[in-house]
């Protein structure tokens, strides 16, 4: 009882620390590009016109992402509310991963998400308000539902059904593919509860919210305005293959080598203890090969090609290399599905199977959508892939209790050090940015800034100088105390 009580106190302290950390980080984020769009007159115009306009200058900002757009405008006009929203969503995100991935290393592993994922996701989701508010909340709201659903299946304790309704209703007003996937999740959980012979009320309320949310989003006229060149959809098989070979597989597989290596190491450890001599080598040998390959290919790509995080392309990529790597990625996925269904058998392991399925399913829309394609489109897929990695790691360490404490201490050391390093880089960027924008040529004559911040990787779009707004910073540098709570300027 005492130990359990101590764990609860420690957990609360950790989550309070997480909240305070990201509360501070919010103030250090340098707005970029679309942030200024939503802060200024264009955002205000869309706000007062149901987020729809036939003006091509509004591009993809004319859409049915009602809640995402509203929160983006709010965050750009209130640094205090931005910090509260930012810290709350990320803290809930880490809590959800902790709950879904099980105990053992899940908390420290969930914390590592912010620092070990590819820099493209850190830039375009965690350190860019426009990306953050559209891509993280819908994933968090879905994960929250999955946590509540799992708890209900395990304990028969239902939360208020209306909570599930609002989780889906809100979750579907951010980004289109998550809006549609919510309906699939609602139908799947309904089928699962019917199979388990449990009351289906939680799933019905969630499904109802998901359907209503989709109706609200796609009732926006922007999706039926065909002259918008920002959105392009194709049904050309050659284009699908080209997207997968040149873009998609890198972001969903290759560049997530930390997760891949973790999963493969876990498979080796599990197989060594769990299976017979003959069977285990069928799993160990491919896992070893994938570890060697993905470490090598990432080192090779980083040393020989420039990865442009502004348009998320690999410059001057060798076509044959892309083709080979895409084939290896397909082989890895086939291997991972086989290993998962072999190691995690039965309905009791449905969670890991669902997360692996979601990893692929959430990428499918971006075979059809040819524009826009950025790394952030694959963020929700990465989240489920990451959870699969933690589940594998936890499973492996149950076979090696002596190894568990050492790995846990190492991970905490890495996480605490990396969080401190990120904070120091963010502070350095923030201080440099305040000095460079307080410049007469930039503020009065709208001339482009002359220098980047010290760590451009920790600014959206790699701190492209042309993406800064003189109008915003002229207003921001003259903030009074009340402006931090809400600034009424729309320029």
Protein backbone atom coordinates (compact mmCIF):
# COMPACT_ATOMS: atom_id res chain seq x y z
CA UNK A 1 0.00 0.00 0.00
CA UNK A 2 2.83 2.38 0.92
CA UNK A 3 4.69 1.66 -2.30
CA UNK A 4 1.52 2.19 -4.35
CA UNK A 5 0.91 5.48 -2.57
CA UNK A 6 4.49 6.58 -3.24
CA UNK A 7 4.13 5.71 -6.93
CA UNK A 8 1.00 7.83 -7.17
CA UNK A 9 2.73 10.80 -5.53
CA UNK A 10 5.75 10.43 -7.83
CA UNK A 11 3.50 10.15 -10.88
CA UNK A 12 1.61 13.30 -9.94
CA UNK A 13 4.88 15.16 -9.42
CA UNK A 14 6.15 13.99 -12.82
CA UNK A 15 3.00 15.12 -14.62
CA UNK A 16 3.03 18.46 -12.83
CA UNK A 17 6.63 18.89 -13.96
CA UNK A 18 5.65 17.93 -17.52
CA UNK A 19 2.88 20.53 -17.49
CA UNK A 20 5.15 23.29 -16.20
CA UNK A 21 7.88 22.36 -18.70
CA UNK A 22 5.61 22.65 -21.73
CA UNK A 23 3.90 25.71 -20.27
CA UNK A 24 7.31 27.42 -20.41
CA UNK A 25 8.16 25.96 -23.83
CA UNK A 26 5.00 27.55 -25.25
CA UNK A 27 6.34 31.04 -24.53
CA UNK A 28 9.61 30.18 -26.29
CA UNK A 29 8.04 28.99 -29.56
CA UNK A 30 8.75 31.35 -32.46
CA UNK A 31 5.61 31.75 -34.61
CA UNK A 32 6.08 31.06 -38.32
CA UNK A 33 4.13 31.44 -41.56
CA UNK A 34 0.52 30.34 -41.05
CA UNK A 35 0.60 31.51 -37.45
CA UNK A 36 0.70 35.09 -38.74
CA UNK A 37 -2.07 34.34 -41.25
CA UNK A 38 -4.41 33.31 -38.45
CA UNK A 39 -3.26 36.15 -36.21
CA UNK A 40 -3.98 38.83 -38.81
CA UNK A 41 -6.76 40.03 -41.06
CA UNK A 42 -7.01 36.85 -43.18
CA UNK A 43 -7.70 34.75 -40.11
CA UNK A 44 -10.22 37.29 -38.84
CA UNK A 45 -11.95 37.34 -42.24
CA UNK A 46 -12.30 33.55 -42.27
CA UNK A 47 -13.49 33.60 -38.67
CA UNK A 48 -16.36 35.88 -39.67
CA UNK A 49 -17.14 34.00 -42.90
CA UNK A 50 -17.56 30.41 -41.67
CA UNK A 51 -13.93 29.65 -42.63
CA UNK A 52 -14.78 29.77 -46.32
CA UNK A 53 -13.69 32.01 -49.16
CA UNK A 54 -13.35 31.68 -52.92
CA UNK A 55 -10.21 33.83 -52.82
CA UNK A 56 -7.31 31.54 -53.87
CA UNK A 57 -4.98 33.44 -51.52
CA UNK A 58 -6.62 31.64 -48.60
CA UNK A 59 -5.55 28.26 -50.03
CA UNK A 60 -6.06 25.36 -47.66
CA UNK A 61 -6.96 27.68 -44.79
CA UNK A 62 -10.51 27.72 -46.11
CA UNK A 63 -11.74 24.48 -44.53
CA UNK A 64 -14.00 22.79 -42.01
CA UNK A 65 -11.43 22.54 -39.24
CA UNK A 66 -13.61 24.71 -37.04
CA UNK A 67 -12.14 23.90 -33.65
CA UNK A 68 -8.55 23.87 -34.89
CA UNK A 69 -8.95 27.26 -36.57
CA UNK A 70 -10.68 28.81 -33.56
CA UNK A 71 -8.00 27.59 -31.17
CA UNK A 72 -5.19 28.74 -33.49
CA UNK A 73 -6.64 32.27 -33.57
CA UNK A 74 -7.07 32.19 -29.79
CA UNK A 75 -3.50 31.02 -29.20
CA UNK A 76 -2.07 33.70 -31.48
CA UNK A 77 -3.90 36.41 -29.55
CA UNK A 78 -3.30 35.15 -26.02
CA UNK A 79 0.07 33.84 -24.90
CA UNK A 80 -1.38 32.80 -21.55
CA UNK A 81 -4.19 30.76 -23.11
CA UNK A 82 -1.72 29.37 -25.66
CA UNK A 83 0.49 28.10 -22.84
CA UNK A 84 -2.46 26.55 -20.99
CA UNK A 85 -3.78 24.82 -24.13
CA UNK A 86 -0.32 23.71 -25.27
CA UNK A 87 0.76 22.29 -21.91
CA UNK A 88 -2.60 20.64 -21.22
CA UNK A 89 -2.76 18.82 -24.56
CA UNK A 90 0.82 17.55 -24.42
CA UNK A 91 0.47 16.44 -20.79
CA UNK A 92 -2.72 14.53 -21.65
CA UNK A 93 -0.93 13.06 -24.70
CA UNK A 94 1.89 11.66 -22.55
CA UNK A 95 -0.62 10.36 -19.99
CA UNK A 96 -2.58 8.54 -22.70
CA UNK A 97 0.52 6.84 -24.11
CA UNK A 98 1.50 5.82 -20.57
CA UNK A 99 -1.93 4.30 -19.96
CA UNK A 100 -2.23 2.53 -23.30
CA UNK A 101 1.28 1.12 -23.44
CA UNK A 102 1.06 -0.47 -20.00
CA UNK A 103 3.29 0.10 -17.00
CA UNK A 104 6.99 -0.78 -16.72
CA UNK A 105 8.84 1.74 -18.94
CA UNK A 106 5.77 3.37 -20.47
CA UNK A 107 6.00 6.73 -18.66
CA UNK A 108 9.65 7.46 -19.37
CA UNK A 109 9.23 6.07 -22.89
CA UNK A 110 6.20 8.32 -23.49
CA UNK A 111 8.25 11.30 -22.31
CA UNK A 112 10.94 10.43 -24.83
CA UNK A 113 8.52 10.99 -27.72
CA UNK A 114 9.19 14.73 -27.69
CA UNK A 115 12.92 14.31 -28.15
CA UNK A 116 13.61 11.13 -30.13
CA UNK A 117 11.12 11.46 -32.99
CA UNK A 118 12.37 12.82 -36.30
CA UNK A 119 13.03 16.55 -36.28
CA UNK A 120 10.39 17.17 -38.97
CA UNK A 121 7.63 16.21 -36.52
CA UNK A 122 9.18 18.25 -33.71
CA UNK A 123 9.31 21.31 -35.97
CA UNK A 124 5.93 21.05 -37.63
CA UNK A 125 3.79 19.72 -34.76
CA UNK A 126 5.36 20.49 -31.40
CA UNK A 127 7.07 23.78 -32.23
CA UNK A 128 4.59 25.37 -34.61
CA UNK A 129 1.23 26.52 -33.29
CA UNK A 130 -0.51 26.11 -36.67
CA UNK A 131 0.67 22.50 -36.93
CA UNK A 132 0.28 21.70 -33.25
CA UNK A 133 -3.33 22.74 -32.87
CA UNK A 134 -4.53 20.75 -35.89
CA UNK A 135 -2.50 17.57 -35.54
CA UNK A 136 -2.02 16.83 -31.84
CA UNK A 137 -5.50 17.40 -30.28
CA UNK A 138 -7.40 14.93 -32.52
CA UNK A 139 -4.88 12.18 -31.74
CA UNK A 140 -5.04 12.97 -28.02
CA UNK A 141 -8.84 12.92 -27.97
CA UNK A 142 -8.89 9.56 -29.77
CA UNK A 143 -6.28 8.11 -27.42
CA UNK A 144 -8.33 9.35 -24.45
CA UNK A 145 -11.34 7.44 -25.77
CA UNK A 146 -9.22 4.32 -26.23
CA UNK A 147 -7.96 4.62 -22.63
CA UNK A 148 -11.54 4.91 -21.34
CA UNK A 149 -12.70 2.04 -23.56
CA UNK A 150 -9.91 -0.24 -22.38
CA UNK A 151 -10.67 0.64 -18.76
CA UNK A 152 -14.36 -0.18 -19.29
CA UNK A 153 -13.54 -3.54 -20.90
CA UNK A 154 -11.15 -4.40 -18.08
CA UNK A 155 -13.21 -3.21 -15.09
CA UNK A 156 -16.80 -2.78 -16.37
CA UNK A 157 -16.72 0.77 -14.98
CA UNK A 158 -18.28 3.22 -17.42
CA UNK A 159 -17.54 6.91 -17.54
CA UNK A 160 -20.42 9.22 -18.42
CA UNK A 161 -21.34 8.30 -22.04
CA UNK A 162 -21.65 11.99 -22.93
CA UNK A 163 -17.87 12.26 -22.44
CA UNK A 164 -17.31 9.83 -25.31
CA UNK A 165 -19.69 11.87 -27.44
CA UNK A 166 -17.80 15.10 -26.87
CA UNK A 167 -14.41 13.42 -27.36
CA UNK A 168 -15.52 12.44 -30.87
CA UNK A 169 -17.41 15.65 -31.60
CA UNK A 170 -14.39 17.78 -30.73
CA UNK A 171 -11.84 15.37 -32.19
CA UNK A 172 -13.40 15.54 -35.64
CA UNK A 173 -13.08 19.30 -36.06
CA UNK A 174 -9.31 19.46 -36.53
CA UNK A 175 -7.99 17.44 -39.47
CA UNK A 176 -9.86 15.56 -42.16
CA UNK A 177 -8.30 12.10 -42.07
CA UNK A 178 -8.72 11.88 -38.29
CA UNK A 179 -12.36 12.94 -38.66
CA UNK A 180 -12.99 9.96 -40.92
CA UNK A 181 -10.88 7.56 -38.87
CA UNK A 182 -12.94 8.36 -35.78
CA UNK A 183 -15.95 6.79 -37.51
CA UNK A 184 -13.93 3.62 -38.15
CA UNK A 185 -12.79 3.57 -34.50
CA UNK A 186 -16.40 3.99 -33.37
CA UNK A 187 -17.59 1.13 -35.57
CA UNK A 188 -14.68 -1.10 -34.54
CA UNK A 189 -15.23 -0.52 -30.82
CA UNK A 190 -18.96 -1.16 -31.31
CA UNK A 191 -18.20 -4.50 -32.94
CA UNK A 192 -15.72 -5.36 -30.18
CA UNK A 193 -18.22 -4.66 -27.39
CA UNK A 194 -20.85 -6.75 -29.19
CA UNK A 195 -18.34 -9.60 -29.47
CA UNK A 196 -17.50 -9.32 -25.76
CA UNK A 197 -21.23 -9.17 -24.93
CA UNK A 198 -20.90 -5.87 -23.11
CA UNK A 199 -23.21 -2.90 -23.28
CA UNK A 200 -22.44 -0.88 -26.39
CA UNK A 201 -23.40 2.54 -25.01
CA UNK A 202 -19.81 3.88 -24.80
CA UNK A 203 -19.15 3.03 -28.45
CA UNK A 204 -22.56 4.25 -29.65
CA UNK A 205 -22.06 7.66 -28.04
CA UNK A 206 -18.57 7.93 -29.53
CA UNK A 207 -19.77 6.85 -32.98
CA UNK A 208 -22.64 9.34 -32.85
CA UNK A 209 -20.25 12.15 -31.98
CA UNK A 210 -17.89 11.08 -34.78
CA UNK A 211 -20.65 11.08 -37.40
CA UNK A 212 -22.03 14.47 -36.33
CA UNK A 213 -18.51 15.89 -36.30
CA UNK A 214 -17.88 14.63 -39.85
CA UNK A 215 -21.16 16.17 -41.03
CA UNK A 216 -20.20 19.52 -39.50
CA UNK A 217 -16.69 19.49 -40.99
CA UNK A 218 -17.59 18.40 -44.50
CA UNK A 219 -20.59 20.72 -44.71
CA UNK A 220 -18.05 23.50 -45.19
CA UNK A 221 -18.23 24.70 -48.79
CA UNK A 222 -14.45 24.72 -49.21
CA UNK A 223 -14.41 20.96 -49.89
CA UNK A 224 -16.66 21.43 -52.91
CA UNK A 225 -14.82 24.41 -54.35
CA UNK A 226 -12.89 22.81 -57.20
CA UNK A 227 -10.70 25.80 -58.17
CA UNK A 228 -8.59 25.49 -55.02
CA UNK A 229 -5.15 24.42 -56.25
CA UNK A 230 -3.88 23.82 -52.71
CA UNK A 231 -5.65 20.46 -52.50
CA UNK A 232 -4.99 17.90 -55.19
CA UNK A 233 -6.35 14.35 -55.23
CA UNK A 234 -5.47 11.68 -57.79
CA UNK A 235 -6.53 8.12 -58.55
CA UNK A 236 -3.49 7.39 -60.68
CA UNK A 237 -1.68 4.20 -59.64
CA UNK A 238 1.66 5.49 -60.96
CA UNK A 239 1.32 8.58 -58.77
CA UNK A 240 0.57 6.41 -55.73
CA UNK A 241 3.75 4.43 -56.31
CA UNK A 242 5.77 7.57 -56.94
CA UNK A 243 4.54 9.14 -53.70
CA UNK A 244 5.34 6.01 -51.74
CA UNK A 245 8.82 5.59 -53.23
CA UNK A 246 9.89 9.23 -53.17
CA UNK A 247 8.13 10.55 -50.03
CA UNK A 248 5.78 8.45 -47.94
CA UNK A 249 7.87 5.46 -46.95
CA UNK A 250 10.72 7.66 -45.69
CA UNK A 251 8.48 9.51 -43.25
CA UNK A 252 6.44 6.55 -42.00
CA UNK A 253 9.22 3.96 -41.90
CA UNK A 254 12.84 4.83 -42.66
CA UNK A 255 13.26 8.02 -40.63
CA UNK A 256 11.58 6.40 -37.61
CA UNK A 257 14.62 4.21 -37.14
CA UNK A 258 14.67 4.64 -33.35
CA UNK A 259 11.28 2.95 -33.08
CA UNK A 260 12.27 0.31 -35.64
CA UNK A 261 15.50 -0.56 -33.82
CA UNK A 262 13.65 -0.68 -30.47
CA UNK A 263 11.02 -3.06 -31.87
CA UNK A 264 13.62 -5.31 -33.53
CA UNK A 265 15.75 -5.48 -30.38
CA UNK A 266 12.63 -6.37 -28.40
CA UNK A 267 11.75 -9.12 -30.89
CA UNK A 268 15.26 -10.57 -30.52
CA UNK A 269 15.03 -10.55 -26.71
CA UNK A 270 11.50 -12.01 -26.68
CA UNK A 271 12.33 -14.70 -29.24
CA UNK A 272 15.47 -15.77 -27.40
CA UNK A 273 13.47 -16.62 -24.28
CA UNK A 274 10.02 -17.43 -25.63
CA UNK A 275 10.52 -19.71 -28.63
CA UNK A 276 12.27 -22.95 -29.50
CA UNK A 277 15.67 -23.04 -31.17
CA UNK A 278 14.25 -23.44 -34.67
CA UNK A 279 11.43 -20.91 -34.40
CA UNK A 280 13.38 -18.12 -32.73
CA UNK A 281 15.91 -17.77 -35.57
CA UNK A 282 13.11 -17.06 -38.05
CA UNK A 283 12.43 -13.93 -36.01
CA UNK A 284 15.92 -13.06 -34.78
CA UNK A 285 17.78 -13.10 -38.10
CA UNK A 286 15.43 -10.71 -39.99
CA UNK A 287 15.27 -8.41 -36.92
CA UNK A 288 19.07 -8.24 -36.81
CA UNK A 289 19.18 -7.48 -40.52
CA UNK A 290 16.65 -4.65 -40.20
CA UNK A 291 18.59 -3.11 -37.29
CA UNK A 292 21.80 -3.04 -39.34
CA UNK A 293 20.04 -1.75 -42.46
CA UNK A 294 18.06 1.08 -40.86
CA UNK A 295 21.02 2.35 -38.85
CA UNK A 296 23.14 2.31 -42.02
CA UNK A 297 20.58 3.93 -44.35
CA UNK A 298 19.89 6.79 -41.95
CA UNK A 299 23.60 7.51 -41.51
CA UNK A 300 24.07 7.33 -45.29
CA UNK A 301 21.15 9.66 -46.04
CA UNK A 302 22.20 12.20 -43.43
CA UNK A 303 25.80 12.28 -44.68
CA UNK A 304 25.11 12.30 -48.42
CA UNK A 305 21.83 14.13 -49.00
CA UNK A 306 20.16 17.26 -47.72
CA UNK A 307 16.74 16.72 -46.15
CA UNK A 308 14.76 19.91 -46.71
CA UNK A 309 12.39 20.41 -43.79
CA UNK A 310 10.72 23.34 -45.51
CA UNK A 311 9.12 21.17 -48.20
CA UNK A 312 10.06 17.82 -46.63
CA UNK A 313 11.94 16.47 -49.62
CA UNK A 314 15.30 14.73 -49.90
CA UNK A 315 17.29 16.76 -52.39
CA UNK A 316 19.02 14.96 -55.28
CA UNK A 317 17.91 11.57 -53.99
CA UNK A 318 19.16 8.66 -56.07
CA UNK A 319 16.10 6.99 -57.70
CA UNK A 320 17.47 3.46 -57.32
CA UNK A 321 18.20 4.04 -53.64
CA UNK A 322 14.62 5.22 -53.06
CA UNK A 323 13.25 2.14 -54.83
CA UNK A 324 15.41 -0.28 -52.81
CA UNK A 325 14.56 1.46 -49.55
CA UNK A 326 10.85 1.35 -50.33
CA UNK A 327 11.07 -2.41 -50.93
CA UNK A 328 12.91 -2.88 -47.65
CA UNK A 329 10.18 -0.85 -45.94
CA UNK A 330 7.50 -3.12 -47.37
CA UNK A 331 9.42 -6.19 -46.23
CA UNK A 332 9.80 -4.71 -42.77
CA UNK A 333 6.05 -4.03 -42.52
CA UNK A 334 5.23 -7.59 -43.62
CA UNK A 335 7.74 -8.93 -41.09
CA UNK A 336 6.38 -6.71 -38.30
CA UNK A 337 2.77 -7.75 -38.91
CA UNK A 338 3.83 -11.41 -38.90
CA UNK A 339 5.94 -11.06 -35.74
CA UNK A 340 3.19 -9.13 -33.95
CA UNK A 341 0.49 -11.69 -34.63
CA UNK A 342 2.94 -14.45 -33.69
CA UNK A 343 4.14 -12.87 -30.41
CA UNK A 344 0.92 -11.09 -29.38
CA UNK A 345 -1.72 -13.75 -29.98
CA UNK A 346 -5.36 -13.65 -28.96
CA UNK A 347 -7.94 -10.99 -28.24
CA UNK A 348 -6.13 -9.95 -25.06
CA UNK A 349 -3.46 -8.46 -27.32
CA UNK A 350 -5.91 -6.71 -29.61
CA UNK A 351 -4.53 -3.32 -28.52
CA UNK A 352 -1.11 -3.79 -30.08
CA UNK A 353 -2.68 -5.25 -33.23
CA UNK A 354 -5.01 -2.25 -33.50
CA UNK A 355 -2.14 0.22 -33.01
CA UNK A 356 -0.13 -1.50 -35.74
CA UNK A 357 -3.14 -1.46 -38.07
CA UNK A 358 -3.69 2.25 -37.32
CA UNK A 359 -0.06 2.97 -38.19
CA UNK A 360 -0.78 1.90 -41.78
CA UNK A 361 -4.43 2.93 -42.04
CA UNK A 362 -3.73 6.56 -41.12
CA UNK A 363 -1.24 6.81 -44.01
CA UNK A 364 -3.63 5.49 -46.66
CA UNK A 365 -5.33 8.87 -47.41
CA UNK A 366 -1.98 10.34 -48.42
CA UNK A 367 -1.62 7.93 -51.30
CA UNK A 368 -4.64 9.66 -52.87
CA UNK A 369 -3.78 13.20 -51.78
CA UNK A 370 -0.90 14.50 -53.88
CA UNK A 371 -0.92 18.03 -52.44
CA UNK A 372 -0.24 19.10 -49.80
CA UNK A 373 2.08 16.38 -48.50
CA UNK A 374 4.24 17.31 -45.52
CA UNK A 375 5.72 15.26 -42.70
CA UNK A 376 3.00 16.37 -40.27
CA UNK A 377 0.39 14.45 -42.28
CA UNK A 378 2.00 11.25 -40.98
CA UNK A 379 2.10 12.34 -37.33
CA UNK A 380 -0.96 10.39 -36.18
CA UNK A 381 0.47 7.27 -37.82
CA UNK A 382 3.75 7.77 -35.97
CA UNK A 383 1.95 8.04 -32.62
CA UNK A 384 0.43 4.56 -32.99
CA UNK A 385 3.74 3.18 -34.29
CA UNK A 386 5.45 4.61 -31.22
CA UNK A 387 2.94 2.94 -28.90
CA UNK A 388 3.64 -0.37 -30.65
CA UNK A 389 7.33 0.18 -29.92
CA UNK A 390 6.74 0.76 -26.20
CA UNK A 391 4.49 -2.30 -25.90
CA UNK A 392 7.21 -4.40 -27.53
CA UNK A 393 9.86 -2.98 -25.20
CA UNK A 394 7.74 -3.64 -22.11
CA UNK A 395 7.05 -7.19 -23.28
CA UNK A 396 10.75 -7.89 -23.83
CA UNK A 397 11.80 -6.60 -20.42
CA UNK A 398 9.34 -8.86 -18.62
CA UNK A 399 11.66 -11.72 -19.65
CA UNK A 400 14.73 -9.89 -18.29
CA UNK A 401 13.87 -8.39 -14.87
CA UNK A 402 17.55 -7.81 -14.09
CA UNK A 403 17.86 -5.68 -17.22
CA UNK A 404 14.75 -3.64 -16.48
CA UNK A 405 16.17 -1.34 -13.80
CA UNK A 406 19.27 -0.54 -15.82
CA UNK A 407 17.28 0.31 -18.96
CA UNK A 408 14.85 2.41 -16.93
CA UNK A 409 17.63 4.44 -15.32
CA UNK A 410 19.34 4.95 -18.68
CA UNK A 411 16.11 6.15 -20.29
CA UNK A 412 15.41 8.59 -17.45
CA UNK A 413 18.93 9.96 -17.78
CA UNK A 414 18.49 10.39 -21.55
CA UNK A 415 15.05 11.99 -21.20
CA UNK A 416 16.01 14.44 -18.45
CA UNK A 417 19.21 15.43 -20.28
CA UNK A 418 17.45 15.85 -23.64
CA UNK A 419 14.62 17.88 -22.11
CA UNK A 420 17.19 20.16 -20.51
CA UNK A 421 19.06 20.46 -23.81
CA UNK A 422 15.88 21.31 -25.73
CA UNK A 423 14.96 23.95 -23.16
CA UNK A 424 18.40 25.56 -23.41
CA UNK A 425 18.21 25.63 -27.23
CA UNK A 426 14.71 27.10 -27.14
CA UNK A 427 15.84 29.84 -24.75
CA UNK A 428 18.82 30.66 -26.98
CA UNK A 429 16.53 30.84 -30.03
CA UNK A 430 14.02 33.02 -28.19
CA UNK A 431 16.63 35.53 -27.02
CA UNK A 432 18.24 35.74 -30.45
CA UNK A 433 14.88 36.17 -32.13
CA UNK A 434 13.86 39.07 -29.90
CA UNK A 435 17.07 40.87 -30.84
CA UNK A 436 16.85 40.23 -34.58
CA UNK A 437 13.19 41.26 -34.98
CA UNK A 438 13.75 44.48 -33.03
CA UNK A 439 15.25 45.97 -36.16
CA UNK A 440 14.18 49.15 -37.97
CA UNK A 441 14.60 47.74 -41.49
CA UNK A 442 12.55 44.68 -40.62
CA UNK A 443 9.79 46.44 -38.64
CA UNK A 444 9.43 49.66 -40.67
CA UNK A 445 10.51 48.72 -44.19
CA UNK A 446 9.50 45.02 -44.15
CA UNK A 447 12.96 43.89 -45.19
CA UNK A 448 13.80 40.22 -44.71
CA UNK A 449 15.69 39.25 -41.58
CA UNK A 450 19.41 38.68 -42.11
CA UNK A 451 20.20 35.90 -39.66
CA UNK A 452 18.71 32.65 -38.41
CA UNK A 453 18.46 31.66 -34.79
CA UNK A 454 21.27 29.45 -33.37
CA UNK A 455 19.19 26.26 -33.58
CA UNK A 456 16.91 26.56 -36.65
CA UNK A 457 15.92 22.88 -36.36
CA UNK A 458 13.84 23.93 -33.35
CA UNK A 459 11.80 26.45 -35.32
CA UNK A 460 9.08 25.50 -37.81
CA UNK A 461 10.12 25.44 -41.48
CA UNK A 462 13.74 25.42 -40.33
CA UNK A 463 13.44 29.14 -39.49
CA UNK A 464 12.93 30.37 -43.06
CA UNK A 465 13.62 34.10 -42.83
CA UNK A 466 10.88 35.11 -45.25
CA UNK A 467 8.31 33.43 -42.99
CA UNK A 468 8.52 36.13 -40.29
CA UNK A 469 5.97 38.96 -40.08
CA UNK A 470 7.02 42.59 -39.37
CA UNK A 471 3.41 43.50 -38.55
CA UNK A 472 3.15 40.80 -35.89
CA UNK A 473 6.47 41.60 -34.24
CA UNK A 474 5.84 45.35 -34.30
CA UNK A 475 2.71 44.64 -32.30
CA UNK A 476 4.27 41.90 -30.13
CA UNK A 477 7.28 44.00 -29.06
CA UNK A 478 4.92 46.64 -27.70
CA UNK A 479 2.80 44.34 -25.55
CA UNK A 480 1.39 45.66 -22.31
CA UNK A 481 0.62 43.34 -19.39
CA UNK A 482 -3.01 42.77 -20.47
CA UNK A 483 -1.92 41.81 -23.98
CA UNK A 484 -0.46 38.55 -22.71
CA UNK A 485 -3.97 37.53 -21.68
CA UNK A 486 -5.59 38.78 -24.89
CA UNK A 487 -4.35 41.12 -27.58
CA UNK A 488 -7.07 42.61 -29.77
CA UNK A 489 -4.94 43.66 -32.74
CA UNK A 490 -5.76 42.14 -36.15
CA UNK A 491 -3.38 43.58 -38.77
